[in-house]
Amino acid sequence: MRKKLLSLVPEFQLIRDADLHEKTINIWEEAIAAGDWDIDDLLVMPFTLLIEKTPVNIITHTRAVTSCSLQIADVLMEAYKDRVKINKDFLLSGALLHDVGKLFEYAKEDGIFKKSPAGQLLRHPISGAAFASKFELPQEILHIIACHSKEGDGARKTVEAIIVNHADFVNFETLKI
């Protein structure tokens, strides 16, 4: 599974810290297993249930949010120099993991993706951060996961969390039109 996951999401390789790199991949692998998904399910799993018949899968969305986040970070650091400090490894890990909770929020019945019983109770930012916390990630990354969606409104404090939140909404709102 790891080899295919790395080929589908080459952005994992951008995380420089070896321990964080390994933990980020492990979280995806363990979430796939815990949700009883197959790696190929990710290629058809919609990134959202809020856009009917969206052709965009969770892998494409995760990669797009990660890429947007990196580009936003680069622009901010270039424009504001030392006034903006961004931990790119935290940003990458948080962007790559921001929707991992959807592997618990979703279920597939008769080929149709819908909210799982767990997803009826907890949205993916909360279930994703809770699941990822078992892997001893830095709190800053758990913050990114928990605050990337509406659950973080009014609570976003780190620049990395702000970037991932806005990158995610830019992607969602653009496809919602």
Protein backbone atom coordinates (compact mmCIF):
# COMPACT_ATOMS: atom_id res chain seq x y z
CA MET A 1 0.00 0.00 0.00
CA ARG A 2 2.80 2.42 0.89
CA LYS A 3 4.35 2.32 -2.56
CA LYS A 4 1.05 3.14 -4.24
CA LEU A 5 0.24 5.85 -1.69
CA LEU A 6 3.62 7.49 -2.32
CA SER A 7 3.08 7.33 -6.07
CA LEU A 8 -0.38 8.89 -5.74
CA VAL A 9 0.80 11.62 -3.36
CA PRO A 10 4.42 12.50 -4.15
CA GLU A 11 4.14 15.57 -1.87
CA PHE A 12 4.88 13.27 1.10
CA GLN A 13 8.50 13.39 -0.10
CA LEU A 14 8.65 17.16 0.45
CA ILE A 15 8.60 16.77 4.25
CA ARG A 16 12.26 17.11 5.24
CA ASP A 17 12.06 15.95 8.85
CA ALA A 18 12.41 12.14 8.58
CA ASP A 19 10.32 11.41 11.69
CA LEU A 20 7.49 13.73 10.64
CA HIS A 21 7.63 12.36 7.09
CA GLU A 22 7.22 8.80 8.41
CA LYS A 23 4.44 9.72 10.84
CA THR A 24 2.47 11.57 8.15
CA ILE A 25 2.54 8.58 5.82
CA ASN A 26 1.81 6.16 8.67
CA ILE A 27 -1.30 8.14 9.63
CA TRP A 28 -2.67 7.80 6.11
CA GLU A 29 -1.85 4.08 5.99
CA GLU A 30 -3.41 3.42 9.38
CA ALA A 31 -6.50 5.50 8.59
CA ILE A 32 -7.02 3.58 5.35
CA ALA A 33 -6.78 0.32 7.29
CA ALA A 34 -8.92 1.51 10.22
CA GLY A 35 -11.65 2.72 7.87
CA ASP A 36 -11.49 -0.60 6.03
CA TRP A 37 -10.73 1.17 2.76
CA ASP A 38 -8.60 -0.02 -0.13
CA ILE A 39 -6.06 2.37 -1.61
CA ASP A 40 -8.07 2.34 -4.87
CA ASP A 41 -11.14 3.59 -2.97
CA LEU A 42 -9.32 6.89 -2.52
CA LEU A 43 -9.32 7.39 -6.28
CA VAL A 44 -13.13 7.40 -6.36
CA MET A 45 -13.86 8.78 -2.89
CA PRO A 46 -15.27 12.30 -3.34
CA PHE A 47 -13.38 15.00 -1.52
CA THR A 48 -16.71 16.34 -0.27
CA LEU A 49 -20.29 15.15 0.06
CA LEU A 50 -21.49 18.76 -0.15
CA ILE A 51 -21.02 19.01 -3.94
CA GLU A 52 -23.33 16.54 -5.65
CA LYS A 53 -21.53 14.25 -8.09
CA THR A 54 -18.19 15.97 -7.69
CA PRO A 55 -15.62 14.41 -10.02
CA VAL A 56 -12.78 15.41 -7.68
CA ASN A 57 -11.47 12.66 -5.42
CA ILE A 58 -9.83 13.01 -2.02
CA ILE A 59 -6.33 12.44 -3.44
CA THR A 60 -6.63 15.18 -6.07
CA HIS A 61 -8.09 17.57 -3.49
CA THR A 62 -5.41 16.81 -0.88
CA ARG A 63 -2.67 17.37 -3.43
CA ALA A 64 -4.27 20.63 -4.62
CA VAL A 65 -4.64 21.99 -1.08
CA THR A 66 -1.04 21.02 -0.31
CA SER A 67 0.24 22.69 -3.47
CA CYS A 68 -1.80 25.85 -2.85
CA SER A 69 -0.58 25.96 0.76
CA LEU A 70 3.05 25.75 -0.32
CA GLN A 71 2.61 28.44 -2.93
CA ILE A 72 0.87 30.76 -0.46
CA ALA A 73 3.71 30.18 2.01
CA ASP A 74 6.32 30.99 -0.63
CA VAL A 75 4.56 34.22 -1.61
CA LEU A 76 4.20 35.31 2.03
CA MET A 77 7.83 34.58 2.85
CA GLU A 78 9.03 36.37 -0.28
CA ALA A 79 6.84 39.41 0.28
CA TYR A 80 7.24 39.76 4.04
CA LYS A 81 10.70 38.26 4.57
CA ASP A 82 11.49 37.84 8.27
CA ARG A 83 8.12 39.18 9.41
CA VAL A 84 6.47 35.85 8.56
CA LYS A 85 7.86 32.60 9.94
CA ILE A 86 6.45 29.43 8.42
CA ASN A 87 7.40 25.90 9.37
CA LYS A 88 7.09 24.24 5.98
CA ASP A 89 7.24 20.72 7.40
CA PHE A 90 4.32 21.49 9.72
CA LEU A 91 2.49 23.14 6.82
CA LEU A 92 3.06 20.13 4.55
CA SER A 93 2.08 17.55 7.14
CA GLY A 94 -1.02 19.53 8.12
CA ALA A 95 -2.09 20.05 4.50
CA LEU A 96 -1.54 16.38 3.67
CA LEU A 97 -3.51 15.30 6.75
CA HIS A 98 -6.23 17.94 6.76
CA ASP A 99 -8.90 15.58 5.37
CA VAL A 100 -7.66 12.24 6.73
CA GLY A 101 -10.69 12.21 9.03
CA LYS A 102 -12.91 11.72 5.98
CA LEU A 103 -11.77 8.11 6.02
CA PHE A 104 -13.88 7.86 9.22
CA GLU A 105 -16.59 10.34 8.25
CA TYR A 106 -17.52 8.44 5.07
CA ALA A 107 -18.99 5.03 4.36
CA LYS A 108 -19.69 3.35 1.04
CA GLU A 109 -22.95 1.49 0.49
CA ASP A 110 -23.88 -0.01 -2.86
CA GLY A 111 -21.16 2.07 -4.51
CA ILE A 112 -22.47 5.32 -3.00
CA PHE A 113 -20.43 7.41 -0.57
CA LYS A 114 -22.37 8.82 2.37
CA LYS A 115 -21.86 9.85 5.99
CA SER A 116 -20.87 6.96 8.22
CA PRO A 117 -22.47 6.53 11.66
CA ALA A 118 -19.25 8.02 13.12
CA GLY A 119 -19.45 10.85 10.59
CA GLN A 120 -22.95 11.66 11.78
CA LEU A 121 -21.45 12.40 15.19
CA LEU A 122 -18.05 13.94 14.39
CA ARG A 123 -16.92 15.82 11.32
CA HIS A 124 -13.56 15.03 9.77
CA PRO A 125 -11.53 17.87 11.34
CA ILE A 126 -12.25 16.46 14.80
CA SER A 127 -11.98 12.75 13.97
CA GLY A 128 -8.85 13.42 11.91
CA ALA A 129 -7.10 15.37 14.66
CA ALA A 130 -8.12 12.78 17.27
CA PHE A 131 -6.82 9.91 15.14
CA ALA A 132 -3.59 11.71 14.25
CA SER A 133 -2.95 12.53 17.92
CA LYS A 134 -2.18 8.85 18.53
CA PHE A 135 0.96 9.26 16.42
CA GLU A 136 2.55 11.90 18.66
CA LEU A 137 2.51 14.67 16.10
CA PRO A 138 3.42 18.18 17.18
CA GLN A 139 0.40 20.05 18.53
CA GLU A 140 0.79 22.62 15.75
CA ILE A 141 -0.09 19.96 13.15
CA LEU A 142 -3.07 18.69 15.13
CA HIS A 143 -4.16 22.35 15.29
CA ILE A 144 -4.00 22.59 11.48
CA ILE A 145 -6.13 19.46 11.06
CA ALA A 146 -8.70 20.49 13.68
CA CYS A 147 -8.97 24.10 12.49
CA HIS A 148 -8.89 23.73 8.71
CA SER A 149 -12.67 23.88 8.31
CA LYS A 150 -15.53 25.75 9.93
CA GLU A 151 -14.66 24.11 13.26
CA GLY A 152 -11.69 26.45 13.39
CA ASP A 153 -13.58 29.67 12.75
CA GLY A 154 -12.34 32.18 15.28
CA ALA A 155 -9.72 29.78 16.65
CA ARG A 156 -7.00 29.79 13.99
CA LYS A 157 -3.81 31.09 15.52
CA THR A 158 -0.83 29.71 13.63
CA VAL A 159 0.09 31.00 10.20
CA GLU A 160 0.25 27.40 8.95
CA ALA A 161 -3.35 26.76 10.08
CA ILE A 162 -4.54 29.98 8.44
CA ILE A 163 -2.85 29.01 5.16
CA VAL A 164 -4.29 25.47 5.04
CA ASN A 165 -7.75 26.76 6.01
CA HIS A 166 -7.78 29.28 3.18
CA ALA A 167 -6.21 26.90 0.65
CA ASP A 168 -8.91 24.35 1.46
CA PHE A 169 -11.72 26.88 1.10
CA VAL A 170 -10.32 28.26 -2.16
CA ASN A 171 -10.37 24.73 -3.58
CA PHE A 172 -13.84 23.93 -2.21
CA GLU A 173 -15.50 27.21 -3.18
CA THR A 174 -13.99 27.15 -6.68
CA LEU A 175 -15.46 23.71 -7.38
CA LYS A 176 -18.80 24.54 -5.75
CA ILE A 177 -19.63 27.16 -8.40
